[in-house]
Amino acid sequence: MLSIFIIVGSAPAGHRLLQWLNMPLRENEWTWNIIAAAGTILFGLRWFVQWVYAERIKESKVPAIFWWQSLMGALLLLMYALRQRDLWFALMYVFTFIPYSRNLVLMYRQRSLAQAMVHR
């Protein structure tokens, strides 16, 4: 795991494979710092939300908001990584959408099945 952080930390900003990418408002540093901060805060707060939720129900379960926060935080951080043209930073977030989306699909499918059983 440490090796991933070393590779990511040593990757130069503006990776040549992402030079073609022109994000909107690329030169507006404040906008992109706010996007990065929002993504980091959303991504970090999801653990707090899960903890409070588990304490409230006295059981370890992950609420839908956890996965939505994961999805939105990853999206914002991916946008920021692409704006920075940082290949390794972007690769950290590009595939996280798969498990986050899948967990949401499974949760909503289970809810709809449960509602269908109640209405029988």
N, C-alpha and C. Protein backbone atom coordinates (compact mmCIF):
# COMPACT_ATOMS: atom_id res chain seq x y z
N MET A 1 0.83 -1.19 0.00
CA MET A 1 0.00 0.00 0.00
C MET A 1 0.88 1.25 0.00
N LEU A 2 1.95 1.23 0.77
CA LEU A 2 2.85 2.37 0.82
C LEU A 2 3.45 2.65 -0.56
N SER A 3 3.72 1.59 -1.31
CA SER A 3 4.30 1.78 -2.65
C SER A 3 3.35 2.55 -3.56
N ILE A 4 2.04 2.37 -3.39
CA ILE A 4 1.07 3.12 -4.19
C ILE A 4 1.21 4.60 -3.89
N PHE A 5 1.34 4.95 -2.61
CA PHE A 5 1.46 6.36 -2.24
C PHE A 5 2.78 6.95 -2.74
N ILE A 6 3.82 6.17 -2.75
CA ILE A 6 5.10 6.65 -3.27
C ILE A 6 5.00 6.90 -4.76
N ILE A 7 4.39 5.97 -5.50
CA ILE A 7 4.22 6.15 -6.94
C ILE A 7 3.34 7.37 -7.22
N VAL A 8 2.22 7.47 -6.52
CA VAL A 8 1.31 8.59 -6.74
C VAL A 8 1.98 9.90 -6.35
N GLY A 9 2.69 9.90 -5.24
CA GLY A 9 3.35 11.12 -4.79
C GLY A 9 4.46 11.57 -5.72
N SER A 10 5.06 10.63 -6.43
CA SER A 10 6.18 10.99 -7.29
C SER A 10 5.76 11.26 -8.73
N ALA A 11 4.48 11.03 -9.04
CA ALA A 11 4.01 11.27 -10.42
C ALA A 11 4.00 12.77 -10.70
N PRO A 12 4.57 13.17 -11.83
CA PRO A 12 4.60 14.59 -12.15
C PRO A 12 3.22 15.10 -12.55
N ALA A 13 2.90 16.32 -12.10
CA ALA A 13 1.64 16.94 -12.53
C ALA A 13 1.73 17.20 -14.02
N GLY A 14 0.64 17.04 -14.71
CA GLY A 14 0.66 17.26 -16.15
C GLY A 14 1.23 16.07 -16.90
N HIS A 15 0.82 14.87 -16.53
CA HIS A 15 1.31 13.65 -17.18
C HIS A 15 1.06 13.72 -18.68
N ARG A 16 2.01 13.28 -19.46
CA ARG A 16 1.95 13.41 -20.92
C ARG A 16 0.75 12.69 -21.52
N LEU A 17 0.26 11.63 -20.88
CA LEU A 17 -0.91 10.92 -21.41
C LEU A 17 -2.20 11.72 -21.26
N LEU A 18 -2.17 12.73 -20.41
CA LEU A 18 -3.37 13.55 -20.20
C LEU A 18 -3.22 14.97 -20.74
N GLN A 19 -2.22 15.22 -21.54
CA GLN A 19 -2.00 16.57 -22.08
C GLN A 19 -3.14 17.03 -22.99
N TRP A 20 -3.85 16.11 -23.60
CA TRP A 20 -4.96 16.44 -24.49
C TRP A 20 -6.16 17.00 -23.74
N LEU A 21 -6.23 16.73 -22.43
CA LEU A 21 -7.41 17.06 -21.64
C LEU A 21 -7.44 18.54 -21.27
N ASN A 22 -8.50 19.23 -21.62
CA ASN A 22 -8.69 20.63 -21.24
C ASN A 22 -9.97 20.75 -20.43
N MET A 23 -9.83 20.84 -19.13
CA MET A 23 -10.98 20.97 -18.26
C MET A 23 -11.50 22.40 -18.30
N PRO A 24 -12.82 22.59 -18.12
CA PRO A 24 -13.36 23.94 -18.07
C PRO A 24 -12.78 24.70 -16.88
N LEU A 25 -12.59 25.96 -17.03
CA LEU A 25 -12.06 26.84 -15.97
C LEU A 25 -10.71 26.35 -15.45
N ARG A 26 -9.93 25.72 -16.29
CA ARG A 26 -8.64 25.14 -15.89
C ARG A 26 -7.74 26.13 -15.18
N GLU A 27 -7.77 27.37 -15.61
CA GLU A 27 -6.87 28.37 -15.04
C GLU A 27 -7.38 28.99 -13.74
N ASN A 28 -8.63 28.70 -13.37
CA ASN A 28 -9.20 29.27 -12.15
C ASN A 28 -8.84 28.38 -10.96
N GLU A 29 -7.74 28.72 -10.32
CA GLU A 29 -7.19 27.91 -9.22
C GLU A 29 -8.17 27.77 -8.05
N TRP A 30 -8.88 28.86 -7.71
CA TRP A 30 -9.80 28.82 -6.57
C TRP A 30 -10.94 27.84 -6.81
N THR A 31 -11.50 27.85 -8.01
CA THR A 31 -12.60 26.93 -8.32
C THR A 31 -12.16 25.49 -8.12
N TRP A 32 -10.99 25.15 -8.63
CA TRP A 32 -10.52 23.77 -8.54
C TRP A 32 -10.07 23.39 -7.15
N ASN A 33 -9.58 24.35 -6.37
CA ASN A 33 -9.27 24.06 -4.97
C ASN A 33 -10.54 23.79 -4.19
N ILE A 34 -11.61 24.50 -4.51
CA ILE A 34 -12.90 24.27 -3.84
C ILE A 34 -13.44 22.90 -4.22
N ILE A 35 -13.33 22.53 -5.50
CA ILE A 35 -13.78 21.20 -5.94
C ILE A 35 -12.99 20.11 -5.22
N ALA A 36 -11.68 20.27 -5.13
CA ALA A 36 -10.84 19.28 -4.44
C ALA A 36 -11.18 19.21 -2.96
N ALA A 37 -11.39 20.35 -2.33
CA ALA A 37 -11.74 20.37 -0.91
C ALA A 37 -13.09 19.72 -0.68
N ALA A 38 -14.07 20.03 -1.53
CA ALA A 38 -15.40 19.44 -1.39
C ALA A 38 -15.34 17.92 -1.56
N GLY A 39 -14.58 17.46 -2.53
CA GLY A 39 -14.43 16.02 -2.73
C GLY A 39 -13.77 15.34 -1.54
N THR A 40 -12.74 15.96 -1.02
CA THR A 40 -12.03 15.41 0.13
C THR A 40 -12.93 15.38 1.37
N ILE A 41 -13.68 16.45 1.59
CA ILE A 41 -14.58 16.52 2.74
C ILE A 41 -15.69 15.47 2.62
N LEU A 42 -16.33 15.39 1.44
CA LEU A 42 -17.37 14.39 1.23
C LEU A 42 -16.83 12.98 1.43
N PHE A 43 -15.68 12.74 0.86
CA PHE A 43 -15.07 11.42 0.95
C PHE A 43 -14.73 11.08 2.40
N GLY A 44 -14.22 12.04 3.15
CA GLY A 44 -13.86 11.81 4.54
C GLY A 44 -15.04 11.70 5.47
N LEU A 45 -16.07 12.51 5.26
CA LEU A 45 -17.24 12.51 6.14
C LEU A 45 -18.07 11.25 6.06
N ARG A 46 -17.92 10.51 4.99
CA ARG A 46 -18.72 9.29 4.86
C ARG A 46 -18.44 8.31 5.99
N TRP A 47 -17.21 8.27 6.48
CA TRP A 47 -16.87 7.38 7.58
C TRP A 47 -17.55 7.84 8.86
N PHE A 48 -17.62 9.14 9.06
CA PHE A 48 -18.31 9.69 10.23
C PHE A 48 -19.81 9.37 10.15
N VAL A 49 -20.39 9.54 8.98
CA VAL A 49 -21.81 9.24 8.79
C VAL A 49 -22.09 7.77 9.08
N GLN A 50 -21.23 6.89 8.59
CA GLN A 50 -21.42 5.46 8.82
C GLN A 50 -21.31 5.13 10.30
N TRP A 51 -20.38 5.76 10.98
CA TRP A 51 -20.20 5.53 12.42
C TRP A 51 -21.44 5.97 13.20
N VAL A 52 -21.93 7.18 12.93
CA VAL A 52 -23.12 7.69 13.62
C VAL A 52 -24.31 6.78 13.33
N TYR A 53 -24.45 6.37 12.09
CA TYR A 53 -25.56 5.49 11.70
C TYR A 53 -25.50 4.17 12.47
N ALA A 54 -24.31 3.57 12.53
CA ALA A 54 -24.15 2.31 13.25
C ALA A 54 -24.46 2.47 14.73
N GLU A 55 -24.03 3.58 15.32
CA GLU A 55 -24.32 3.83 16.73
C GLU A 55 -25.81 4.01 16.97
N ARG A 56 -26.46 4.66 16.05
CA ARG A 56 -27.90 4.92 16.20
C ARG A 56 -28.70 3.63 16.15
N ILE A 57 -28.36 2.72 15.23
CA ILE A 57 -29.14 1.48 15.12
C ILE A 57 -28.53 0.33 15.91
N LYS A 58 -27.38 0.59 16.54
CA LYS A 58 -26.69 -0.42 17.35
C LYS A 58 -26.36 -1.68 16.55
N GLU A 59 -26.01 -1.45 15.28
CA GLU A 59 -25.66 -2.54 14.39
C GLU A 59 -24.77 -1.95 13.29
N SER A 60 -23.84 -2.74 12.80
CA SER A 60 -22.96 -2.25 11.76
C SER A 60 -23.58 -2.46 10.38
N LYS A 61 -24.13 -1.41 9.84
CA LYS A 61 -24.68 -1.42 8.48
C LYS A 61 -24.23 -0.16 7.79
N VAL A 62 -24.18 -0.22 6.49
CA VAL A 62 -23.74 0.94 5.72
C VAL A 62 -24.98 1.55 5.05
N PRO A 63 -25.30 2.82 5.39
CA PRO A 63 -26.46 3.46 4.79
C PRO A 63 -26.19 3.90 3.35
N ALA A 64 -27.24 4.14 2.60
CA ALA A 64 -27.11 4.56 1.20
C ALA A 64 -26.31 5.86 1.08
N ILE A 65 -26.46 6.75 2.05
CA ILE A 65 -25.74 8.04 1.98
C ILE A 65 -24.23 7.83 1.96
N PHE A 66 -23.75 6.77 2.61
CA PHE A 66 -22.33 6.45 2.59
C PHE A 66 -21.86 6.23 1.16
N TRP A 67 -22.64 5.46 0.39
CA TRP A 67 -22.26 5.16 -0.99
C TRP A 67 -22.43 6.37 -1.89
N TRP A 68 -23.46 7.19 -1.61
CA TRP A 68 -23.63 8.42 -2.40
C TRP A 68 -22.48 9.39 -2.14
N GLN A 69 -22.07 9.50 -0.86
CA GLN A 69 -20.94 10.37 -0.54
C GLN A 69 -19.66 9.83 -1.19
N SER A 70 -19.49 8.53 -1.19
CA SER A 70 -18.33 7.92 -1.83
C SER A 70 -18.31 8.24 -3.31
N LEU A 71 -19.46 8.08 -3.95
CA LEU A 71 -19.58 8.33 -5.38
C LEU A 71 -19.31 9.79 -5.72
N MET A 72 -19.93 10.70 -4.99
CA MET A 72 -19.77 12.13 -5.27
C MET A 72 -18.35 12.61 -4.92
N GLY A 73 -17.82 12.15 -3.79
CA GLY A 73 -16.45 12.51 -3.42
C GLY A 73 -15.44 12.03 -4.44
N ALA A 74 -15.62 10.79 -4.91
CA ALA A 74 -14.72 10.23 -5.93
C ALA A 74 -14.85 11.00 -7.24
N LEU A 75 -16.07 11.39 -7.61
CA LEU A 75 -16.28 12.16 -8.83
C LEU A 75 -15.57 13.51 -8.77
N LEU A 76 -15.73 14.20 -7.65
CA LEU A 76 -15.08 15.51 -7.50
C LEU A 76 -13.56 15.37 -7.51
N LEU A 77 -13.05 14.37 -6.83
CA LEU A 77 -11.60 14.18 -6.80
C LEU A 77 -11.06 13.71 -8.15
N LEU A 78 -11.85 12.93 -8.88
CA LEU A 78 -11.45 12.54 -10.23
C LEU A 78 -11.41 13.77 -11.14
N MET A 79 -12.42 14.64 -11.02
CA MET A 79 -12.42 15.87 -11.81
C MET A 79 -11.17 16.70 -11.52
N TYR A 80 -10.84 16.82 -10.24
CA TYR A 80 -9.66 17.59 -9.86
C TYR A 80 -8.39 16.94 -10.40
N ALA A 81 -8.29 15.62 -10.30
CA ALA A 81 -7.10 14.91 -10.80
C ALA A 81 -6.96 15.09 -12.31
N LEU A 82 -8.08 15.05 -13.02
CA LEU A 82 -8.03 15.27 -14.47
C LEU A 82 -7.63 16.71 -14.79
N ARG A 83 -8.13 17.64 -14.00
CA ARG A 83 -7.76 19.05 -14.19
C ARG A 83 -6.25 19.22 -14.01
N GLN A 84 -5.70 18.51 -13.05
CA GLN A 84 -4.26 18.58 -12.77
C GLN A 84 -3.46 17.79 -13.82
N ARG A 85 -4.18 17.02 -14.61
CA ARG A 85 -3.55 16.12 -15.59
C ARG A 85 -2.58 15.16 -14.92
N ASP A 86 -3.01 14.66 -13.78
CA ASP A 86 -2.19 13.74 -13.00
C ASP A 86 -2.73 12.32 -13.20
N LEU A 87 -2.04 11.55 -14.03
CA LEU A 87 -2.49 10.22 -14.41
C LEU A 87 -2.70 9.31 -13.20
N TRP A 88 -1.75 9.25 -12.30
CA TRP A 88 -1.83 8.32 -11.18
C TRP A 88 -2.90 8.72 -10.19
N PHE A 89 -3.06 9.98 -9.95
CA PHE A 89 -4.12 10.49 -9.08
C PHE A 89 -5.49 10.15 -9.69
N ALA A 90 -5.63 10.35 -11.00
CA ALA A 90 -6.89 10.04 -11.68
C ALA A 90 -7.19 8.54 -11.63
N LEU A 91 -6.18 7.71 -11.83
CA LEU A 91 -6.39 6.27 -11.81
C LEU A 91 -6.84 5.77 -10.44
N MET A 92 -6.49 6.49 -9.38
CA MET A 92 -6.93 6.11 -8.04
C MET A 92 -8.45 6.17 -7.93
N TYR A 93 -9.10 7.06 -8.66
CA TYR A 93 -10.53 7.27 -8.50
C TYR A 93 -11.38 6.77 -9.66
N VAL A 94 -10.79 6.50 -10.80
CA VAL A 94 -11.59 6.16 -11.97
C VAL A 94 -12.36 4.84 -11.81
N PHE A 95 -11.80 3.87 -11.13
CA PHE A 95 -12.47 2.59 -10.98
C PHE A 95 -13.29 2.46 -9.71
N THR A 96 -13.24 3.44 -8.83
CA THR A 96 -14.02 3.36 -7.59
C THR A 96 -15.51 3.47 -7.84
N PHE A 97 -15.90 3.95 -9.02
CA PHE A 97 -17.32 4.09 -9.33
C PHE A 97 -18.02 2.74 -9.43
N ILE A 98 -17.27 1.71 -9.77
CA ILE A 98 -17.86 0.38 -9.95
C ILE A 98 -18.45 -0.15 -8.63
N PRO A 99 -17.66 -0.28 -7.56
CA PRO A 99 -18.26 -0.82 -6.33
C PRO A 99 -19.27 0.13 -5.68
N TYR A 100 -19.03 1.43 -5.78
CA TYR A 100 -19.98 2.39 -5.18
C TYR A 100 -21.33 2.29 -5.87
N SER A 101 -21.32 2.30 -7.21
CA SER A 101 -22.57 2.19 -7.98
C SER A 101 -23.23 0.84 -7.75
N ARG A 102 -22.44 -0.21 -7.74
CA ARG A 102 -23.00 -1.55 -7.55
C ARG A 102 -23.67 -1.68 -6.20
N ASN A 103 -23.06 -1.16 -5.15
CA ASN A 103 -23.68 -1.21 -3.83
C ASN A 103 -25.00 -0.46 -3.80
N LEU A 104 -25.07 0.68 -4.47
CA LEU A 104 -26.33 1.43 -4.53
C LEU A 104 -27.39 0.64 -5.29
N VAL A 105 -27.01 0.02 -6.41
CA VAL A 105 -27.96 -0.79 -7.17
C VAL A 105 -28.49 -1.93 -6.30
N LEU A 106 -27.60 -2.61 -5.60
CA LEU A 106 -28.01 -3.72 -4.74
C LEU A 106 -28.94 -3.25 -3.62
N MET A 107 -28.63 -2.11 -3.03
CA MET A 107 -29.47 -1.59 -1.94
C MET A 107 -30.86 -1.24 -2.44
N TYR A 108 -30.94 -0.52 -3.56
CA TYR A 108 -32.24 -0.11 -4.08
C TYR A 108 -33.03 -1.30 -4.61
N ARG A 109 -32.36 -2.28 -5.18
CA ARG A 109 -33.03 -3.49 -5.65
C ARG A 109 -33.63 -4.24 -4.47
N GLN A 110 -32.86 -4.33 -3.37
CA GLN A 110 -33.35 -5.03 -2.18
C GLN A 110 -34.55 -4.29 -1.59
N ARG A 111 -34.51 -2.97 -1.57
CA ARG A 111 -35.65 -2.19 -1.06
C ARG A 111 -36.90 -2.41 -1.91
N SER A 112 -36.73 -2.41 -3.24
CA SER A 112 -37.90 -2.59 -4.10
C SER A 112 -38.47 -4.00 -3.96
N LEU A 113 -37.61 -5.00 -3.78
CA LEU A 113 -38.10 -6.36 -3.55
C LEU A 113 -38.84 -6.46 -2.22
N ALA A 114 -38.32 -5.80 -1.20
CA ALA A 114 -38.97 -5.79 0.11
C ALA A 114 -40.34 -5.11 0.03
N GLN A 115 -40.43 -4.01 -0.71
CA GLN A 115 -41.71 -3.32 -0.87
C GLN A 115 -42.70 -4.16 -1.65
N ALA A 116 -42.22 -4.88 -2.65
CA ALA A 116 -43.08 -5.75 -3.43
C ALA A 116 -43.64 -6.87 -2.56
N MET A 117 -42.83 -7.39 -1.66
CA MET A 117 -43.30 -8.46 -0.75
C MET A 117 -44.35 -7.92 0.21
N VAL A 118 -44.23 -6.68 0.63
CA VAL A 118 -45.20 -6.10 1.57
C VAL A 118 -46.54 -5.88 0.87
N HIS A 119 -46.52 -5.52 -0.40
CA HIS A 119 -47.75 -5.22 -1.13
C HIS A 119 -48.45 -6.45 -1.71
N ARG A 120 -47.96 -7.63 -1.42
CA ARG A 120 -48.59 -8.86 -1.90
C ARG A 120 -49.81 -9.18 -1.12
